[in-house]
Amino acid sequence: MKTDILDTAPADRTERIARLNDRARNGLDRSSRIVVTSGLHAQLAGEKPADAIFAQARLIGAMRRCTFQADSPERDFASFEVDGIKILMKIDLYDPGLVKIPLNGSF
């Protein structure tokens, strides 16, 4: 029997969300998507097309290695640097139609 994430105790729900976020961040969830603003991508990428690919690789690598503060128990927000540029990362859950799903009534 599959348990809905909203029907679990708060501590269990937080840890389950954290594990789902870890899977997405580490590329283990094939349905997850990474969205990068065009401005950030332009700052990281160089002149050659290959530079853009390497910039994406550096960004994803840093995202997978980042650490989380105690105030992010769901491991859904982090701040880190790539090439001297401060990056703010946020993980959110969306349904397949890209509609945000409220797991904790935060919006």
Foldseek 3Di string as FASTA:
>chain_A
DDDDLLPDDPVVSLVVLLVVVLCLLLVNDVLHDDDDDPVVLVVQADDDPVSSVVSVVQVSVCSNPFDDDPVRSSPAWGWDDDPNDIDIGGDFDADSVRHGDDSPPPD
